[in-house]
């Protein structure tokens, strides 16, 4: 597993890296100023945004554990 997404609030998802591949993928998608929050598991996203991130991660071959994800 490279990334783990967990429900945080009703419309928010907490995203955490679970492998070096997940870390690299996050670093490729977000500016360096956001890396500390992303790599320490403090980044939350709206569900609609997380769906887009999940699709992109899967297309890139990054495995994502998100139990509430909807198959696309």
Protein backbone atom coordinates (compact mmCIF):
# COMPACT_ATOMS: atom_id res chain seq x y z
CA UNK A 1 0.00 0.00 0.00
CA UNK A 2 1.37 3.39 -1.02
CA UNK A 3 -1.30 5.81 0.23
CA UNK A 4 -3.95 5.51 2.92
CA UNK A 5 -7.09 7.66 2.85
CA UNK A 6 -9.39 7.74 5.87
CA UNK A 7 -12.67 9.57 6.49
CA UNK A 8 -11.99 12.62 8.65
CA UNK A 9 -15.28 14.53 8.79
CA UNK A 10 -18.47 14.21 6.80
CA UNK A 11 -16.94 15.66 3.63
CA UNK A 12 -13.21 15.41 4.37
CA UNK A 13 -10.63 12.68 3.85
CA UNK A 14 -7.25 12.41 5.60
CA UNK A 15 -4.48 11.28 3.22
CA UNK A 16 -1.24 9.69 4.48
CA UNK A 17 1.71 8.16 2.65
CA UNK A 18 2.39 4.51 3.51
CA UNK A 19 5.46 3.87 1.34
CA UNK A 20 8.25 5.73 -0.39
CA UNK A 21 6.23 5.46 -3.62
CA UNK A 22 3.38 7.30 -1.91
CA UNK A 23 5.81 9.97 -0.70
CA UNK A 24 7.24 10.47 -4.19
CA UNK A 25 3.77 10.66 -5.72
CA UNK A 26 2.69 13.31 -3.20
CA UNK A 27 5.86 15.31 -3.80
CA UNK A 28 5.19 15.27 -7.55
CA UNK A 29 1.66 16.63 -7.08
CA UNK A 30 2.08 19.31 -4.42
CA UNK A 31 4.48 22.23 -3.89
CA UNK A 32 7.36 21.83 -1.46
CA UNK A 33 5.66 24.22 0.98
CA UNK A 34 2.94 21.57 1.52
CA UNK A 35 5.23 18.56 2.01
CA UNK A 36 5.48 18.73 5.81
CA UNK A 37 1.70 18.50 6.24
CA UNK A 38 1.39 15.81 3.57
CA UNK A 39 4.19 13.62 4.89
CA UNK A 40 3.12 13.89 8.53
CA UNK A 41 -0.46 12.78 7.82
CA UNK A 42 -2.02 16.19 8.44
CA UNK A 43 -3.43 16.77 4.95
CA UNK A 44 -7.19 16.64 4.49
CA UNK A 45 -9.11 16.94 1.24
CA UNK A 46 -12.75 17.28 0.27
CA UNK A 47 -14.21 14.00 -0.96
CA UNK A 48 -14.62 15.37 -4.50
CA UNK A 49 -10.93 16.35 -4.62
CA UNK A 50 -9.88 13.03 -3.09
CA UNK A 51 -11.76 11.14 -5.81
CA UNK A 52 -9.69 12.95 -8.45
CA UNK A 53 -6.45 12.33 -6.54
CA UNK A 54 -7.35 8.65 -6.11
CA UNK A 55 -8.01 8.23 -9.81
CA UNK A 56 -4.72 9.90 -10.71
CA UNK A 57 -2.79 7.80 -8.19
CA UNK A 58 -4.26 4.57 -9.52
CA UNK A 59 -3.51 5.55 -13.11
CA UNK A 60 0.09 6.16 -12.03
CA UNK A 61 0.28 2.68 -10.48
CA UNK A 62 0.19 3.96 -6.90
CA UNK A 63 -1.87 1.71 -4.63
CA UNK A 64 -4.44 3.44 -2.46
CA UNK A 65 -6.37 2.10 0.51
CA UNK A 66 -9.63 4.03 0.72
CA UNK A 67 -12.51 1.89 1.94
CA UNK A 68 -15.12 4.49 1.03
CA UNK A 69 -13.90 5.06 -2.52
CA UNK A 70 -16.31 4.67 -5.39
CA UNK A 71 -15.16 2.57 -8.32
CA UNK A 72 -14.58 4.69 -11.38
